[in-house]
Protein backbone atom coordinates (compact mmCIF):
# COMPACT_ATOMS: atom_id res chain seq x y z
CA MET A 1 0.05 0.00 0.02
CA SER A 2 1.25 3.51 -0.89
CA ASN A 3 0.77 6.79 0.72
CA VAL A 4 0.82 8.55 -2.49
CA THR A 5 -2.36 9.88 -4.08
CA ILE A 6 -2.90 11.34 -7.59
CA PHE A 7 -5.83 13.69 -8.69
CA HIS A 8 -6.28 12.02 -12.04
CA ASN A 9 -8.15 12.66 -15.21
CA PRO A 10 -7.92 9.55 -17.31
CA ARG A 11 -8.76 11.83 -20.37
CA CYS A 12 -5.69 14.18 -19.91
CA SER A 13 -2.25 12.74 -21.57
CA LYS A 14 -0.23 14.53 -18.89
CA SER A 15 -2.21 12.81 -16.18
CA ARG A 16 -1.83 9.36 -17.83
CA GLN A 17 1.80 9.78 -18.30
CA THR A 18 2.39 10.89 -14.64
CA LEU A 19 0.42 7.85 -13.35
CA ALA A 20 2.31 5.75 -15.79
CA LEU A 21 5.71 7.24 -14.31
CA LEU A 22 4.55 6.54 -10.70
CA GLU A 23 3.93 3.06 -11.68
CA GLU A 24 7.13 2.49 -13.34
CA ASN A 25 8.77 3.52 -10.25
CA GLY A 26 7.09 0.96 -8.13
CA VAL A 27 4.40 3.54 -6.75
CA GLU A 28 0.76 2.08 -6.67
CA PRO A 29 -1.08 5.58 -5.83
CA THR A 30 -4.30 6.04 -4.56
CA ILE A 31 -6.15 7.39 -7.59
CA ILE A 32 -8.83 9.95 -7.29
CA LYS A 33 -10.77 10.60 -10.64
CA TYR A 34 -11.38 14.37 -9.47
CA LEU A 35 -13.83 14.87 -11.93
CA GLU A 36 -16.24 12.44 -10.65
CA THR A 37 -15.49 12.79 -7.02
CA PRO A 38 -14.15 16.56 -6.51
CA PRO A 39 -12.05 17.32 -3.46
CA SER A 40 -13.81 19.20 -0.61
CA ALA A 41 -12.85 23.11 0.04
CA GLU A 42 -10.80 21.66 3.07
CA GLN A 43 -8.96 19.03 0.73
CA LEU A 44 -8.14 21.73 -1.65
CA LYS A 45 -6.75 24.02 1.08
CA THR A 46 -4.52 21.20 2.28
CA VAL A 47 -3.40 20.53 -1.18
CA LEU A 48 -2.70 24.32 -2.05
CA SER A 49 -0.71 24.39 1.21
CA SER A 50 1.51 21.44 0.38
CA LEU A 51 2.13 22.83 -3.16
CA GLY A 52 2.92 26.17 -1.62
CA ILE A 53 0.70 28.22 -4.08
CA ASN A 54 -2.59 30.05 -3.98
CA ALA A 55 -5.83 28.91 -5.55
CA ARG A 56 -5.62 30.94 -8.60
CA ASP A 57 -2.14 29.23 -9.37
CA LEU A 58 -3.98 26.01 -9.42
CA LEU A 59 -6.70 27.11 -12.00
CA ARG A 60 -7.02 26.24 -15.49
CA SER A 61 -7.89 29.44 -16.88
CA LYS A 62 -8.18 28.76 -20.27
CA GLU A 63 -11.19 26.56 -19.92
CA ALA A 64 -14.67 27.91 -21.05
CA GLU A 65 -15.88 27.48 -17.47
CA TYR A 66 -13.46 29.74 -16.14
CA ALA A 67 -15.36 32.90 -17.36
CA GLU A 68 -18.57 31.09 -16.90
CA ALA A 69 -17.61 30.77 -13.08
CA GLY A 70 -16.89 34.26 -13.07
CA LEU A 71 -13.25 33.51 -12.03
CA ASP A 72 -12.03 36.29 -14.37
CA ASN A 73 -13.09 38.52 -11.39
CA MET A 74 -9.69 39.40 -9.73
CA ASP A 75 -11.52 40.62 -6.46
CA LEU A 76 -12.58 37.11 -5.48
CA SER A 77 -11.27 36.01 -2.18
CA GLU A 78 -9.15 32.99 -1.71
CA ASP A 79 -12.05 31.06 -0.30
CA GLU A 80 -14.47 32.12 -3.04
CA VAL A 81 -11.94 30.75 -5.79
CA ILE A 82 -11.74 27.61 -3.69
CA ALA A 83 -15.49 27.16 -3.68
CA LYS A 84 -15.43 27.48 -7.50
CA MET A 85 -12.97 24.97 -7.88
CA VAL A 86 -15.34 22.64 -5.98
CA GLU A 87 -18.17 23.47 -8.00
CA PHE A 88 -16.07 23.38 -11.27
CA PRO A 89 -13.39 20.81 -10.75
CA LYS A 90 -12.54 20.73 -14.54
CA LEU A 91 -10.75 24.05 -13.55
CA ILE A 92 -8.25 22.33 -11.26
CA GLU A 93 -4.89 21.80 -12.82
CA ARG A 94 -4.01 18.15 -13.19
CA PRO A 95 -2.67 15.93 -12.30
CA ILE A 96 -1.76 16.38 -8.72
CA VAL A 97 0.36 14.01 -6.70
CA ILE A 98 0.52 14.08 -2.95
CA ASN A 99 2.94 12.23 -0.68
CA GLY A 100 2.43 13.06 3.07
CA ASP A 101 2.71 16.74 3.52
CA ALA A 102 4.44 17.00 -0.16
CA ALA A 103 2.49 17.70 -3.44
CA ARG A 104 3.41 18.44 -6.92
CA ILE A 105 1.71 19.07 -10.18
CA GLY A 106 2.71 16.61 -12.72
CA ARG A 107 3.52 19.09 -15.54
CA PRO A 108 5.88 17.87 -16.56
CA PRO A 109 5.29 14.51 -15.21
CA GLU A 110 8.87 14.09 -13.97
CA SER A 111 8.23 16.73 -11.41
CA VAL A 112 6.57 14.42 -9.18
CA LEU A 113 9.63 12.20 -8.85
CA ASP A 114 11.12 14.31 -6.14
CA ILE A 115 8.42 13.49 -3.72
CA ILE A 116 8.34 9.73 -4.14
């Protein structure tokens, strides 16, 4: 059993590459298909803390839902942005790999190797 978790989107090539890289390195992560099971606001806050970034840094701003969700309003608070990410999980950058208190975004996939 592994303590590694991946927020995974099977339709995303980078997410698939990151999962394959983990498996090639002997890691069998817990896979969370975050579009089907979105993280809670508290989970996102923990992930953001582990990544050392703010919520806006984890957004996929080129998605149509970004403007639809009102995220182009730069006056939204951190909690408001996180709430939008829970409501619109497609806007969360992917994949995210978590190991204990450390987390990395798998872009490029090799960036996760330093936490496994």
